[in-house]
N, C-alpha and C. Protein backbone atom coordinates (compact mmCIF):
# COMPACT_ATOMS: atom_id res chain seq x y z
N MET A 1 77.42 -8.95 -116.44
CA MET A 1 76.97 -9.96 -115.51
C MET A 1 77.21 -9.44 -114.09
N PRO A 2 76.26 -9.59 -113.21
CA PRO A 2 76.48 -9.17 -111.83
C PRO A 2 77.67 -9.91 -111.21
N LYS A 3 78.40 -9.19 -110.36
CA LYS A 3 79.64 -9.74 -109.81
C LYS A 3 79.41 -11.06 -109.06
N ASN A 4 78.36 -11.15 -108.26
CA ASN A 4 78.14 -12.39 -107.50
C ASN A 4 77.90 -13.58 -108.43
N GLU A 5 77.22 -13.35 -109.55
CA GLU A 5 77.00 -14.42 -110.53
C GLU A 5 78.32 -14.79 -111.22
N LEU A 6 79.11 -13.77 -111.55
CA LEU A 6 80.42 -14.04 -112.18
C LEU A 6 81.32 -14.85 -111.25
N LEU A 7 81.32 -14.51 -109.98
CA LEU A 7 82.12 -15.27 -109.01
C LEU A 7 81.71 -16.74 -108.99
N MET A 8 80.42 -17.00 -109.04
CA MET A 8 79.93 -18.38 -109.05
C MET A 8 80.31 -19.08 -110.35
N GLU A 9 80.24 -18.39 -111.47
CA GLU A 9 80.60 -18.97 -112.77
C GLU A 9 82.09 -19.34 -112.79
N ILE A 10 82.93 -18.45 -112.26
CA ILE A 10 84.37 -18.71 -112.23
C ILE A 10 84.68 -19.90 -111.35
N ARG A 11 84.11 -19.94 -110.16
CA ARG A 11 84.38 -21.06 -109.25
C ARG A 11 83.91 -22.37 -109.88
N ASP A 12 82.72 -22.38 -110.49
CA ASP A 12 82.20 -23.58 -111.13
C ASP A 12 83.13 -24.03 -112.26
N PHE A 13 83.58 -23.08 -113.07
CA PHE A 13 84.48 -23.40 -114.17
C PHE A 13 85.76 -24.05 -113.65
N LEU A 14 86.36 -23.45 -112.64
CA LEU A 14 87.62 -23.98 -112.09
C LEU A 14 87.42 -25.35 -111.43
N GLN A 15 86.32 -25.54 -110.74
CA GLN A 15 86.09 -26.81 -110.06
C GLN A 15 85.89 -27.96 -111.04
N ARG A 16 85.49 -27.67 -112.25
CA ARG A 16 85.24 -28.71 -113.25
C ARG A 16 86.48 -29.05 -114.07
N ARG A 17 87.56 -28.37 -113.85
CA ARG A 17 88.77 -28.62 -114.62
C ARG A 17 89.93 -28.99 -113.72
N LYS A 18 90.89 -29.68 -114.29
CA LYS A 18 92.04 -30.17 -113.52
C LYS A 18 93.38 -29.75 -114.13
N ILE A 19 93.37 -29.31 -115.39
CA ILE A 19 94.61 -28.99 -116.10
C ILE A 19 94.62 -27.52 -116.50
N LEU A 20 95.76 -26.88 -116.31
CA LEU A 20 95.97 -25.52 -116.80
C LEU A 20 97.21 -25.52 -117.68
N VAL A 21 97.37 -24.44 -118.42
CA VAL A 21 98.60 -24.23 -119.19
C VAL A 21 99.26 -23.00 -118.59
N LEU A 22 100.42 -23.20 -117.98
CA LEU A 22 101.17 -22.14 -117.34
C LEU A 22 102.13 -21.55 -118.37
N CYS A 23 101.96 -20.26 -118.64
CA CYS A 23 102.80 -19.58 -119.64
C CYS A 23 103.77 -18.65 -118.94
N THR A 24 105.05 -18.88 -119.18
CA THR A 24 106.12 -18.05 -118.62
C THR A 24 106.95 -17.52 -119.78
N CYS A 25 107.84 -16.59 -119.45
CA CYS A 25 108.70 -16.04 -120.50
C CYS A 25 110.03 -15.60 -119.88
N LEU A 26 111.11 -15.87 -120.58
CA LEU A 26 112.43 -15.41 -120.16
C LEU A 26 113.22 -15.07 -121.41
N ASN A 27 113.85 -13.91 -121.39
CA ASN A 27 114.64 -13.44 -122.53
C ASN A 27 113.83 -13.47 -123.82
N ASN A 28 112.57 -13.08 -123.71
CA ASN A 28 111.67 -13.01 -124.85
C ASN A 28 111.37 -14.37 -125.48
N ILE A 29 111.61 -15.44 -124.75
CA ILE A 29 111.29 -16.79 -125.22
C ILE A 29 110.17 -17.33 -124.34
N PRO A 30 108.96 -17.48 -124.92
CA PRO A 30 107.84 -17.98 -124.12
C PRO A 30 107.90 -19.49 -123.93
N ARG A 31 107.27 -19.94 -122.85
CA ARG A 31 107.18 -21.37 -122.56
C ARG A 31 105.78 -21.63 -122.00
N ALA A 32 105.09 -22.62 -122.57
CA ALA A 32 103.75 -23.00 -122.11
C ALA A 32 103.82 -24.43 -121.62
N THR A 33 103.42 -24.64 -120.36
CA THR A 33 103.53 -25.95 -119.72
C THR A 33 102.18 -26.41 -119.19
N PRO A 34 101.62 -27.50 -119.73
CA PRO A 34 100.40 -28.05 -119.16
C PRO A 34 100.70 -28.67 -117.80
N MET A 35 99.83 -28.42 -116.82
CA MET A 35 100.05 -28.91 -115.45
C MET A 35 98.71 -29.15 -114.78
N ASP A 36 98.70 -30.07 -113.82
CA ASP A 36 97.51 -30.22 -112.99
C ASP A 36 97.50 -29.10 -111.96
N PHE A 37 96.31 -28.70 -111.54
CA PHE A 37 96.22 -27.63 -110.54
C PHE A 37 95.16 -27.99 -109.50
N TYR A 38 95.25 -27.30 -108.37
CA TYR A 38 94.37 -27.54 -107.23
C TYR A 38 93.93 -26.19 -106.68
N MET A 39 92.71 -26.16 -106.14
CA MET A 39 92.17 -24.94 -105.54
C MET A 39 91.97 -25.13 -104.06
N GLU A 40 91.99 -24.03 -103.34
CA GLU A 40 91.62 -24.07 -101.94
C GLU A 40 90.12 -24.37 -101.88
N LYS A 41 89.73 -25.34 -101.10
CA LYS A 41 88.32 -25.73 -101.01
C LYS A 41 87.57 -24.82 -100.05
N GLY A 42 86.34 -24.49 -100.42
CA GLY A 42 85.47 -23.73 -99.54
C GLY A 42 85.89 -22.30 -99.29
N GLU A 43 86.81 -21.82 -100.06
CA GLU A 43 87.29 -20.45 -99.87
C GLU A 43 86.57 -19.50 -100.82
N THR A 44 86.66 -18.25 -100.56
CA THR A 44 86.05 -17.25 -101.42
C THR A 44 87.06 -16.65 -102.39
N ASN A 45 88.27 -17.14 -102.37
CA ASN A 45 89.28 -16.65 -103.30
C ASN A 45 89.44 -17.65 -104.45
N PHE A 46 90.32 -17.34 -105.36
CA PHE A 46 90.58 -18.21 -106.50
C PHE A 46 92.04 -18.63 -106.55
N ASN A 47 92.67 -18.75 -105.39
CA ASN A 47 94.07 -19.16 -105.34
C ASN A 47 94.22 -20.58 -105.87
N LEU A 48 95.25 -20.76 -106.69
CA LEU A 48 95.54 -22.05 -107.29
C LEU A 48 96.89 -22.53 -106.79
N TYR A 49 97.08 -23.84 -106.80
CA TYR A 49 98.34 -24.44 -106.39
C TYR A 49 98.78 -25.42 -107.45
N VAL A 50 100.07 -25.38 -107.77
CA VAL A 50 100.65 -26.36 -108.68
C VAL A 50 101.92 -26.91 -108.05
N GLY A 51 102.13 -28.21 -108.21
CA GLY A 51 103.37 -28.83 -107.77
C GLY A 51 104.38 -28.68 -108.89
N LEU A 52 105.57 -28.26 -108.53
CA LEU A 52 106.60 -27.98 -109.54
C LEU A 52 107.80 -28.89 -109.38
N ALA A 53 108.43 -29.19 -110.49
CA ALA A 53 109.77 -29.79 -110.50
C ALA A 53 110.72 -28.67 -110.92
N LEU A 54 111.90 -28.66 -110.34
CA LEU A 54 112.87 -27.64 -110.74
C LEU A 54 113.12 -27.79 -112.23
N GLY A 55 113.09 -26.70 -112.93
CA GLY A 55 113.28 -26.74 -114.37
C GLY A 55 113.16 -25.34 -114.94
N ARG A 56 112.96 -25.31 -116.25
CA ARG A 56 112.94 -24.04 -116.96
C ARG A 56 111.81 -23.11 -116.49
N LYS A 57 110.62 -23.66 -116.22
CA LYS A 57 109.51 -22.78 -115.83
C LYS A 57 109.79 -22.09 -114.49
N VAL A 58 110.45 -22.81 -113.56
CA VAL A 58 110.79 -22.22 -112.27
C VAL A 58 111.82 -21.11 -112.48
N LYS A 59 112.83 -21.38 -113.28
CA LYS A 59 113.86 -20.36 -113.58
C LYS A 59 113.21 -19.14 -114.24
N ASN A 60 112.30 -19.40 -115.18
CA ASN A 60 111.62 -18.29 -115.85
C ASN A 60 110.87 -17.42 -114.85
N ILE A 61 110.13 -18.05 -113.94
CA ILE A 61 109.33 -17.30 -112.97
C ILE A 61 110.23 -16.55 -111.99
N GLU A 62 111.33 -17.17 -111.58
CA GLU A 62 112.26 -16.48 -110.67
C GLU A 62 112.84 -15.23 -111.33
N GLU A 63 113.11 -15.30 -112.62
CA GLU A 63 113.69 -14.17 -113.35
C GLU A 63 112.63 -13.17 -113.82
N ASN A 64 111.44 -13.69 -114.16
CA ASN A 64 110.37 -12.86 -114.70
C ASN A 64 109.04 -13.32 -114.08
N PRO A 65 108.68 -12.74 -112.93
CA PRO A 65 107.49 -13.20 -112.21
C PRO A 65 106.18 -12.64 -112.80
N ASN A 66 105.98 -12.88 -114.07
CA ASN A 66 104.75 -12.53 -114.76
C ASN A 66 104.29 -13.77 -115.49
N VAL A 67 103.12 -14.27 -115.13
CA VAL A 67 102.62 -15.47 -115.81
C VAL A 67 101.22 -15.23 -116.34
N SER A 68 100.90 -16.04 -117.30
CA SER A 68 99.55 -16.11 -117.83
C SER A 68 99.16 -17.57 -117.77
N ILE A 69 97.91 -17.81 -117.44
CA ILE A 69 97.43 -19.18 -117.31
C ILE A 69 96.20 -19.33 -118.19
N GLY A 70 96.19 -20.39 -118.96
CA GLY A 70 95.04 -20.70 -119.79
C GLY A 70 94.39 -21.99 -119.31
N ILE A 71 93.07 -21.97 -119.24
CA ILE A 71 92.29 -23.16 -118.89
C ILE A 71 91.11 -23.18 -119.86
N TYR A 72 90.83 -24.32 -120.44
CA TYR A 72 89.78 -24.33 -121.46
C TYR A 72 88.97 -25.62 -121.42
N THR A 73 87.82 -25.54 -122.06
CA THR A 73 86.99 -26.71 -122.26
C THR A 73 87.36 -27.29 -123.62
N PRO A 74 87.66 -28.57 -123.70
CA PRO A 74 88.01 -29.16 -125.00
C PRO A 74 86.91 -28.91 -126.04
N MET A 75 87.32 -28.61 -127.25
CA MET A 75 86.38 -28.26 -128.31
C MET A 75 85.42 -29.40 -128.65
N ASP A 76 85.81 -30.64 -128.40
CA ASP A 76 84.94 -31.76 -128.76
C ASP A 76 83.70 -31.85 -127.86
N THR A 77 83.60 -31.00 -126.85
CA THR A 77 82.41 -30.98 -126.00
C THR A 77 81.28 -30.17 -126.64
N GLY A 78 81.62 -29.41 -127.69
CA GLY A 78 80.63 -28.57 -128.34
C GLY A 78 80.48 -27.21 -127.67
N LYS A 79 81.28 -26.93 -126.66
CA LYS A 79 81.20 -25.65 -125.96
C LYS A 79 82.44 -24.81 -126.29
N ILE A 80 82.24 -23.52 -126.31
CA ILE A 80 83.37 -22.60 -126.47
C ILE A 80 83.51 -21.88 -125.15
N GLN A 81 84.47 -22.36 -124.35
CA GLN A 81 84.71 -21.80 -123.01
C GLN A 81 86.21 -21.79 -122.75
N GLY A 82 86.67 -20.69 -122.17
CA GLY A 82 88.07 -20.62 -121.80
C GLY A 82 88.29 -19.56 -120.75
N MET A 83 89.37 -19.73 -120.02
CA MET A 83 89.71 -18.79 -118.96
C MET A 83 91.16 -18.38 -119.10
N GLN A 84 91.41 -17.11 -118.87
CA GLN A 84 92.75 -16.55 -118.87
C GLN A 84 92.96 -15.94 -117.49
N ILE A 85 94.03 -16.34 -116.81
CA ILE A 85 94.34 -15.81 -115.49
C ILE A 85 95.69 -15.10 -115.58
N THR A 86 95.74 -13.92 -115.04
CA THR A 86 96.99 -13.15 -115.00
C THR A 86 97.44 -13.03 -113.55
N ALA A 87 98.73 -13.28 -113.33
CA ALA A 87 99.33 -13.08 -112.01
C ALA A 87 100.74 -12.54 -112.22
N THR A 88 101.05 -11.44 -111.58
CA THR A 88 102.37 -10.85 -111.74
C THR A 88 102.97 -10.51 -110.38
N GLY A 89 104.25 -10.71 -110.28
CA GLY A 89 104.98 -10.34 -109.08
C GLY A 89 105.13 -11.47 -108.09
N LYS A 90 106.16 -11.38 -107.30
CA LYS A 90 106.47 -12.44 -106.34
C LYS A 90 105.49 -12.49 -105.17
N GLN A 91 104.65 -11.45 -105.02
CA GLN A 91 103.61 -11.48 -104.00
C GLN A 91 102.42 -12.34 -104.46
N ARG A 92 102.31 -12.57 -105.76
CA ARG A 92 101.21 -13.36 -106.33
C ARG A 92 101.66 -14.73 -106.81
N LEU A 93 102.95 -14.91 -106.97
CA LEU A 93 103.53 -16.20 -107.38
C LEU A 93 104.48 -16.62 -106.27
N ILE A 94 103.98 -17.43 -105.36
CA ILE A 94 104.73 -17.72 -104.14
C ILE A 94 105.24 -19.16 -104.17
N PHE A 95 106.56 -19.30 -104.18
CA PHE A 95 107.16 -20.63 -104.11
C PHE A 95 107.19 -21.09 -102.66
N LEU A 96 106.71 -22.29 -102.41
CA LEU A 96 106.68 -22.86 -101.07
C LEU A 96 107.50 -24.14 -101.05
N ARG A 97 108.45 -24.19 -100.12
CA ARG A 97 109.28 -25.36 -99.93
C ARG A 97 109.08 -25.87 -98.51
N GLU A 98 109.42 -27.12 -98.29
CA GLU A 98 109.27 -27.68 -96.95
C GLU A 98 109.96 -26.78 -95.93
N GLY A 99 109.24 -26.49 -94.85
CA GLY A 99 109.76 -25.60 -93.81
C GLY A 99 109.25 -24.17 -93.96
N ASP A 100 108.78 -23.81 -95.15
CA ASP A 100 108.23 -22.46 -95.36
C ASP A 100 106.84 -22.36 -94.73
N LYS A 101 106.52 -21.17 -94.26
CA LYS A 101 105.17 -20.92 -93.76
C LYS A 101 104.19 -21.15 -94.92
N GLY A 102 103.17 -21.93 -94.67
CA GLY A 102 102.18 -22.20 -95.70
C GLY A 102 102.41 -23.48 -96.49
N PHE A 103 103.62 -24.06 -96.37
CA PHE A 103 103.90 -25.27 -97.15
C PHE A 103 103.02 -26.44 -96.73
N ASP A 104 102.89 -26.67 -95.43
CA ASP A 104 102.10 -27.81 -94.96
C ASP A 104 100.64 -27.69 -95.40
N THR A 105 100.10 -26.49 -95.36
CA THR A 105 98.73 -26.26 -95.82
C THR A 105 98.62 -26.56 -97.32
N ALA A 106 99.58 -26.06 -98.09
CA ALA A 106 99.58 -26.29 -99.54
C ALA A 106 99.75 -27.77 -99.85
N GLN A 107 100.59 -28.46 -99.10
CA GLN A 107 100.82 -29.88 -99.33
C GLN A 107 99.54 -30.68 -99.14
N LYS A 108 98.66 -30.23 -98.25
CA LYS A 108 97.38 -30.91 -98.05
C LYS A 108 96.41 -30.66 -99.20
N ILE A 109 96.62 -29.59 -99.95
CA ILE A 109 95.74 -29.24 -101.06
C ILE A 109 96.12 -30.00 -102.33
N VAL A 110 97.42 -30.11 -102.59
CA VAL A 110 97.87 -30.80 -103.82
C VAL A 110 97.97 -32.30 -103.58
N ARG A 111 97.85 -33.06 -104.66
CA ARG A 111 97.98 -34.52 -104.54
C ARG A 111 99.45 -34.92 -104.61
N GLY A 112 99.82 -35.89 -103.80
CA GLY A 112 101.18 -36.41 -103.85
C GLY A 112 102.16 -35.54 -103.08
N LYS A 113 103.22 -36.15 -102.64
CA LYS A 113 104.27 -35.43 -101.90
C LYS A 113 105.04 -34.56 -102.87
N ARG A 114 105.16 -33.30 -102.55
CA ARG A 114 105.85 -32.33 -103.41
C ARG A 114 106.98 -31.68 -102.64
N ASN A 115 108.04 -31.39 -103.34
CA ASN A 115 109.15 -30.65 -102.74
C ASN A 115 109.00 -29.14 -102.96
N LEU A 116 108.30 -28.80 -104.03
CA LEU A 116 108.13 -27.39 -104.39
C LEU A 116 106.69 -27.20 -104.88
N ILE A 117 106.01 -26.24 -104.28
CA ILE A 117 104.63 -25.92 -104.64
C ILE A 117 104.57 -24.43 -104.90
N MET A 118 103.85 -24.05 -105.94
CA MET A 118 103.65 -22.63 -106.20
C MET A 118 102.19 -22.27 -105.94
N LYS A 119 102.02 -21.27 -105.11
CA LYS A 119 100.70 -20.70 -104.86
C LYS A 119 100.53 -19.54 -105.82
N ILE A 120 99.44 -19.56 -106.56
CA ILE A 120 99.15 -18.51 -107.54
C ILE A 120 97.95 -17.72 -107.04
N ILE A 121 98.15 -16.43 -106.85
CA ILE A 121 97.08 -15.54 -106.42
C ILE A 121 96.71 -14.66 -107.63
N PRO A 122 95.62 -14.99 -108.30
CA PRO A 122 95.26 -14.24 -109.51
C PRO A 122 95.00 -12.77 -109.23
N GLU A 123 95.38 -11.94 -110.21
CA GLU A 123 95.02 -10.53 -110.12
C GLU A 123 93.92 -10.19 -111.12
N LYS A 124 93.79 -11.03 -112.14
CA LYS A 124 92.75 -10.80 -113.15
C LYS A 124 92.32 -12.15 -113.71
N ILE A 125 91.01 -12.33 -113.84
CA ILE A 125 90.46 -13.55 -114.43
C ILE A 125 89.51 -13.13 -115.54
N GLU A 126 89.77 -13.64 -116.73
CA GLU A 126 88.91 -13.37 -117.88
C GLU A 126 88.26 -14.69 -118.26
N LEU A 127 86.94 -14.68 -118.37
CA LEU A 127 86.20 -15.90 -118.67
C LEU A 127 85.39 -15.69 -119.94
N LEU A 128 85.62 -16.57 -120.90
CA LEU A 128 84.89 -16.55 -122.17
C LEU A 128 83.95 -17.75 -122.17
N ASP A 129 82.66 -17.48 -122.37
CA ASP A 129 81.68 -18.58 -122.42
C ASP A 129 80.53 -18.12 -123.30
N TYR A 130 80.40 -18.75 -124.45
CA TYR A 130 79.35 -18.36 -125.39
C TYR A 130 77.95 -18.63 -124.84
N ASP A 131 77.83 -19.49 -123.82
CA ASP A 131 76.53 -19.73 -123.19
C ASP A 131 76.04 -18.51 -122.42
N PHE A 132 76.94 -17.60 -122.04
CA PHE A 132 76.51 -16.38 -121.34
C PHE A 132 75.55 -15.56 -122.19
N VAL A 133 75.71 -15.61 -123.51
CA VAL A 133 74.85 -14.84 -124.42
C VAL A 133 73.39 -15.27 -124.27
N LYS A 134 73.18 -16.56 -124.04
CA LYS A 134 71.81 -17.08 -123.85
C LYS A 134 71.16 -16.48 -122.60
N LYS A 135 71.98 -16.02 -121.66
CA LYS A 135 71.47 -15.42 -120.43
C LYS A 135 71.37 -13.89 -120.54
N GLY A 136 71.73 -13.37 -121.73
CA GLY A 136 71.65 -11.92 -121.94
C GLY A 136 72.92 -11.16 -121.57
N TYR A 137 74.04 -11.87 -121.37
CA TYR A 137 75.30 -11.23 -121.00
C TYR A 137 76.31 -11.32 -122.14
N SER A 138 77.33 -10.53 -122.04
CA SER A 138 78.44 -10.63 -122.99
C SER A 138 79.13 -11.98 -122.80
N ARG A 139 79.61 -12.56 -123.87
CA ARG A 139 80.31 -13.84 -123.79
C ARG A 139 81.66 -13.73 -123.07
N PHE A 140 82.14 -12.51 -122.89
CA PHE A 140 83.45 -12.25 -122.29
C PHE A 140 83.26 -11.46 -121.00
N GLN A 141 83.71 -12.05 -119.88
CA GLN A 141 83.57 -11.41 -118.56
C GLN A 141 84.96 -11.27 -117.92
N VAL A 142 85.15 -10.18 -117.19
CA VAL A 142 86.44 -9.92 -116.56
C VAL A 142 86.23 -9.64 -115.07
N LEU A 143 87.08 -10.26 -114.27
CA LEU A 143 87.08 -10.02 -112.83
C LEU A 143 88.47 -9.53 -112.43
N ASP A 144 88.55 -8.28 -111.97
CA ASP A 144 89.81 -7.74 -111.46
C ASP A 144 89.86 -7.98 -109.97
N LEU A 145 90.96 -8.56 -109.51
CA LEU A 145 91.11 -8.94 -108.10
C LEU A 145 92.18 -8.11 -107.39
N GLU A 146 92.62 -7.05 -108.00
CA GLU A 146 93.69 -6.25 -107.38
C GLU A 146 93.19 -5.49 -106.19
């Protein structure tokens, strides 16, 4: 699929969904947490924001800053669509607290007052959509953002 079309497909997919599953791991014990997410509006990037409560997922990310994110279309829609986002390192998983540069901007993006917000800067986005085959493309598309 041409890159400009893939970029539009990814943005459309993300704009139509509100929940992601954030997967973290610490000491070889994985944890998957469903969460609401928010995107920067009108931007050309795919940065996501999630409001966090202090807990195991935060500790996991602080100790092991490698996450995987799953976002999917429920199977009862009759569509087979899913997205996998990879982000690794503290430059791509940025914790923002009140007083931090960027916190006020992030607070305007997420709903509700948050004490801790994580900005996720994807390095890789994999999009699976069986409808792509109807357009003559592979059902599996990859966008590297490194």
